Protein backbone atom coordinates (compact mmCIF):
# COMPACT_ATOMS: atom_id res chain seq x y z
CA MET A 1 58.71 135.23 56.96
CA LEU A 2 57.88 133.45 60.22
CA LEU A 3 61.44 132.41 61.14
CA ARG A 4 64.81 133.58 59.85
CA ALA A 5 68.17 132.34 61.09
CA ARG A 6 70.90 134.51 59.59
CA ASP A 7 74.59 133.53 59.40
CA VAL A 8 74.34 131.50 62.59
CA LYS A 9 77.63 130.25 64.00
CA ILE A 10 77.80 128.02 67.09
CA TYR A 11 80.75 126.49 68.91
CA TYR A 12 80.92 123.58 71.34
CA GLY A 13 84.10 124.44 73.20
CA LYS A 14 86.63 125.24 70.48
CA ALA A 15 84.94 123.05 67.87
CA ILE A 16 82.58 124.71 65.43
CA ALA A 17 79.21 122.91 65.33
CA VAL A 18 77.27 125.24 63.01
CA ASP A 19 79.17 127.38 60.52
CA THR A 20 77.41 130.48 59.14
CA VAL A 21 74.06 128.79 58.48
CA SER A 22 70.99 130.68 57.25
CA ILE A 23 67.54 129.10 57.08
CA GLU A 24 64.01 130.41 56.62
CA VAL A 25 60.58 129.04 57.49
CA ALA A 26 57.61 130.71 55.84
CA GLU A 27 54.33 130.88 57.70
CA GLY A 28 52.20 127.82 56.98
CA SER A 29 55.08 125.78 55.55
CA VAL A 30 56.86 122.53 56.37
CA VAL A 31 60.65 122.81 56.09
CA GLY A 32 63.00 119.85 56.42
CA ILE A 33 66.61 119.85 57.62
CA MET A 34 68.48 116.68 56.73
CA GLY A 35 72.00 115.44 57.33
CA ALA A 36 74.09 112.78 59.02
CA ASN A 37 74.60 112.39 62.76
CA GLY A 38 76.80 115.18 64.08
CA ALA A 39 76.13 117.48 61.11
CA GLY A 40 74.65 120.22 63.33
CA LYS A 41 70.92 119.71 62.74
CA THR A 42 69.86 119.38 66.37
CA THR A 43 72.19 122.21 67.37
CA ILE A 44 70.25 124.53 65.06
CA LEU A 45 66.96 123.63 66.76
CA ARG A 46 68.53 124.05 70.18
CA ALA A 47 69.76 127.50 69.18
CA ILE A 48 66.29 128.52 68.00
CA SER A 49 64.89 127.24 71.33
CA GLY A 50 67.42 129.29 73.30
CA LEU A 51 69.21 126.23 74.68
CA VAL A 52 72.59 127.08 73.13
CA LYS A 53 74.15 130.48 72.53
CA LEU A 54 75.22 131.87 69.18
CA ALA A 55 78.80 132.88 68.60
CA SER A 56 77.53 135.18 65.82
CA GLY A 57 74.49 135.72 63.63
CA GLU A 58 70.90 136.23 64.68
CA ILE A 59 67.55 134.46 64.82
CA LEU A 60 64.36 136.36 64.04
CA PHE A 61 60.83 135.16 64.77
CA GLU A 62 58.02 137.27 63.31
CA SER A 63 60.73 139.87 62.59
CA LYS A 64 61.79 140.04 66.26
CA LYS A 65 65.24 139.00 67.42
CA ILE A 66 64.96 136.02 69.79
CA ASN A 67 68.54 134.82 70.29
CA GLY A 68 69.47 135.78 73.82
CA LEU A 69 65.97 135.19 75.19
CA GLU A 70 65.27 132.54 77.83
CA PRO A 71 63.78 129.27 76.51
CA ALA A 72 60.49 129.83 78.37
CA ASP A 73 60.12 133.26 76.75
CA ILE A 74 60.72 131.71 73.32
CA VAL A 75 58.01 129.11 73.98
CA ALA A 76 55.66 131.91 75.03
CA LEU A 77 56.23 133.56 71.64
CA GLY A 78 54.98 130.40 69.92
CA ILE A 79 58.05 128.23 69.19
CA VAL A 80 57.80 124.70 70.55
CA HIS A 81 60.55 122.08 70.32
CA VAL A 82 59.71 118.35 70.38
CA PRO A 83 63.16 116.94 71.19
CA GLU A 84 64.94 113.90 69.82
CA GLY A 85 64.17 110.84 71.94
CA ARG A 86 60.80 112.31 73.01
CA LYS A 87 61.95 113.08 76.61
CA LEU A 88 58.70 112.03 78.28
CA PHE A 89 58.22 111.54 82.01
CA PRO A 90 57.92 107.75 81.94
CA TYR A 91 56.24 107.29 85.34
CA LEU A 92 53.59 109.95 84.74
CA SER A 93 50.38 109.12 82.91
CA VAL A 94 49.85 109.97 79.28
CA ILE A 95 47.39 112.72 80.14
CA SER A 96 49.77 114.25 82.71
CA ASN A 97 52.56 114.33 80.13
CA VAL A 98 50.29 115.97 77.57
CA LYS A 99 49.05 118.59 80.04
CA LEU A 100 52.62 119.61 80.86
CA GLY A 101 52.75 121.26 77.44
CA ALA A 102 50.27 123.87 78.68
CA SER A 103 52.39 124.85 81.71
CA LEU A 104 52.81 128.46 80.54
CA ARG A 105 49.15 128.95 79.65
CA LYS A 106 46.54 130.54 81.93
CA ASP A 107 43.39 130.04 79.83
CA LYS A 108 41.80 127.05 81.56
CA ALA A 109 38.85 126.82 79.17
CA GLY A 110 41.19 126.99 76.18
CA ILE A 111 43.45 124.32 77.65
CA GLN A 112 40.53 121.94 78.13
CA GLN A 113 39.27 122.64 74.63
CA ASP A 114 42.70 121.96 73.12
CA LEU A 115 43.08 118.81 75.20
CA GLU A 116 39.81 117.46 73.82
CA LEU A 117 40.87 118.40 70.30
CA ILE A 118 44.22 116.63 70.67
CA PHE A 119 42.53 113.44 71.82
CA GLU A 120 40.38 113.65 68.69
CA TYR A 121 43.55 113.81 66.58
CA PHE A 122 45.21 111.02 68.57
CA PRO A 123 42.37 108.73 69.72
CA ILE A 124 44.80 106.02 70.83
CA LEU A 125 46.12 108.45 73.45
CA TRP A 126 42.63 108.84 74.90
CA THR A 127 42.48 105.06 75.25
CA ARG A 128 45.89 105.12 76.95
CA ARG A 129 45.35 108.36 78.90
CA ASN A 130 45.79 106.84 82.38
CA GLN A 131 48.64 104.54 81.36
CA LYS A 132 52.23 105.41 82.34
CA ALA A 133 53.95 107.00 79.35
CA GLY A 134 56.99 104.73 79.71
CA THR A 135 54.87 101.65 79.00
CA LEU A 136 53.73 102.86 75.57
CA SER A 137 55.17 101.73 72.25
CA GLY A 138 57.71 103.99 70.54
CA GLY A 139 55.12 105.29 68.09
CA GLU A 140 52.64 106.05 70.86
CA GLN A 141 55.32 107.85 72.86
CA GLN A 142 56.08 109.99 69.82
CA MET A 143 52.39 110.91 69.61
CA VAL A 144 52.48 111.93 73.29
CA ALA A 145 55.54 114.12 72.65
CA ILE A 146 53.83 115.83 69.71
CA ALA A 147 50.58 116.22 71.65
CA ARG A 148 52.49 117.78 74.55
CA GLY A 149 54.04 120.26 72.13
CA LEU A 150 50.66 121.14 70.64
CA MET A 151 49.29 121.98 74.08
CA ALA A 152 51.61 125.01 74.08
CA LYS A 153 49.69 126.36 71.03
CA PRO A 154 52.74 126.69 68.77
CA LYS A 155 52.98 128.89 65.73
CA LEU A 156 56.15 126.95 64.85
CA LEU A 157 56.53 123.31 65.88
CA MET A 158 60.08 121.94 65.65
CA LEU A 159 60.28 118.16 65.41
CA ASP A 160 63.70 116.62 66.03
CA GLU A 161 64.08 113.15 64.48
CA PRO A 162 60.47 112.00 65.09
CA SER A 163 61.12 108.73 63.23
CA LEU A 164 64.12 107.74 65.36
CA GLY A 165 63.86 104.17 66.61
CA LEU A 166 60.47 103.52 65.04
CA ALA A 167 59.52 100.62 62.80
CA PRO A 168 58.97 101.52 59.11
CA ALA A 169 55.18 101.07 59.37
CA ILE A 170 55.06 103.47 62.32
CA VAL A 171 57.28 105.96 60.47
CA ASN A 172 54.78 105.94 57.60
CA SER A 173 52.00 106.79 60.05
CA LEU A 174 53.84 110.02 60.93
CA VAL A 175 53.26 111.39 57.41
CA PRO A 176 49.50 112.05 57.80
CA ILE A 177 50.06 113.30 61.35
CA ILE A 178 52.57 115.94 60.22
CA LYS A 179 50.38 116.92 57.27
CA LYS A 180 47.35 117.25 59.54
CA LEU A 181 49.26 119.46 61.97
CA ASN A 182 50.27 121.70 59.09
CA GLN A 183 46.67 121.86 57.85
CA MET A 184 45.72 123.03 61.34
CA GLY A 185 47.84 126.11 60.65
CA VAL A 186 51.01 125.06 62.46
CA SER A 187 54.27 125.77 60.63
CA ILE A 188 56.76 122.93 61.03
CA LEU A 189 60.56 122.72 61.06
CA LEU A 190 61.49 119.06 60.77
CA VAL A 191 64.95 117.64 61.47
CA GLU A 192 65.05 114.16 60.01
CA GLN A 193 67.53 111.56 58.75
CA ASN A 194 64.75 109.57 57.12
CA THR A 195 64.87 110.97 53.58
CA SER A 196 61.60 109.37 52.52
CA LEU A 197 59.65 110.89 55.41
CA ALA A 198 61.13 114.36 54.92
CA LEU A 199 60.40 114.39 51.19
CA LYS A 200 56.78 113.33 51.75
CA VAL A 201 55.97 116.24 54.05
CA ALA A 202 58.42 119.11 53.46
CA GLY A 203 57.99 121.71 50.74
CA LYS A 204 61.54 122.99 51.25
CA ILE A 205 64.66 121.04 52.13
CA TYR A 206 68.00 122.03 53.62
CA THR A 207 70.85 119.56 53.96
CA ILE A 208 73.62 120.11 56.47
CA GLN A 209 77.11 118.66 56.15
CA VAL A 210 79.75 119.31 58.80
CA GLY A 211 77.91 122.36 60.08
CA LYS A 212 77.38 123.97 56.67
CA ILE A 213 74.44 124.06 54.29
CA ALA A 214 75.18 121.78 51.35
CA PHE A 215 71.80 122.12 49.64
CA GLU A 216 68.74 124.37 49.77
CA GLY A 217 65.69 123.90 47.57
CA SER A 218 62.42 122.12 46.94
CA GLY A 219 61.88 118.40 47.27
CA GLU A 220 61.85 118.12 43.49
CA GLU A 221 65.19 119.93 43.23
CA PHE A 222 66.58 117.71 45.97
CA GLN A 223 65.65 114.56 44.08
CA SER A 224 67.01 115.86 40.77
CA SER A 225 70.43 116.84 42.17
CA ASP A 226 73.03 114.23 41.18
CA ILE A 227 75.25 115.05 44.16
CA ILE A 228 72.34 114.80 46.58
CA LYS A 229 71.10 111.60 44.96
CA ARG A 230 74.45 109.93 45.56
CA ALA A 231 74.66 111.16 49.13
CA TYR A 232 71.08 110.50 50.27
CA LEU A 233 69.17 108.36 47.82
CA GLY A 234 71.82 105.86 46.69
């Protein structure tokens, strides 16, 4: 198993944000975490990234405990977090934003090779490479955020609400992008409120309600659950 979070509990002040949650991501898989705003989805990703501390439980990556490590050390192990809202540097060029993803790498030839490969995957970014990132459309900015994450050579890419604020047509364009990343050998942990997007790309689904796991199973099981249908599919 590539990633295991076991009985993770997280507090914000005295309020419990994540309550004894366990999730797994197998190597080569796409796993979706779904739930409403405030359910604890982003907090789980932030815990895996080392940005918030656990009150109890543990997180294992390639069988090694990583909770307690510094975020930069977690990135160096191969876990990359593309945050909600993209968090680009709006006044820097597209290419400068993308290159920032390779900040921890020392292999100059490999960095250049990966940069060329990324522009093959996202040709629109090559066209926009000298444009300030803040002037791009929402969909293009999301591509920059993903490209920046890929420059860190992740084994596990965590995408937090990649469809947020995007038009439906642009959301649909994320499906082949996520599938292509997975075909490249990158395992993906996707936090997403857009049920349709998550079901199109994820082989396994978790749903979080008020900090607890309410459902765990395949996309088919998700769609056949009466309780889940009422809550997510109408």
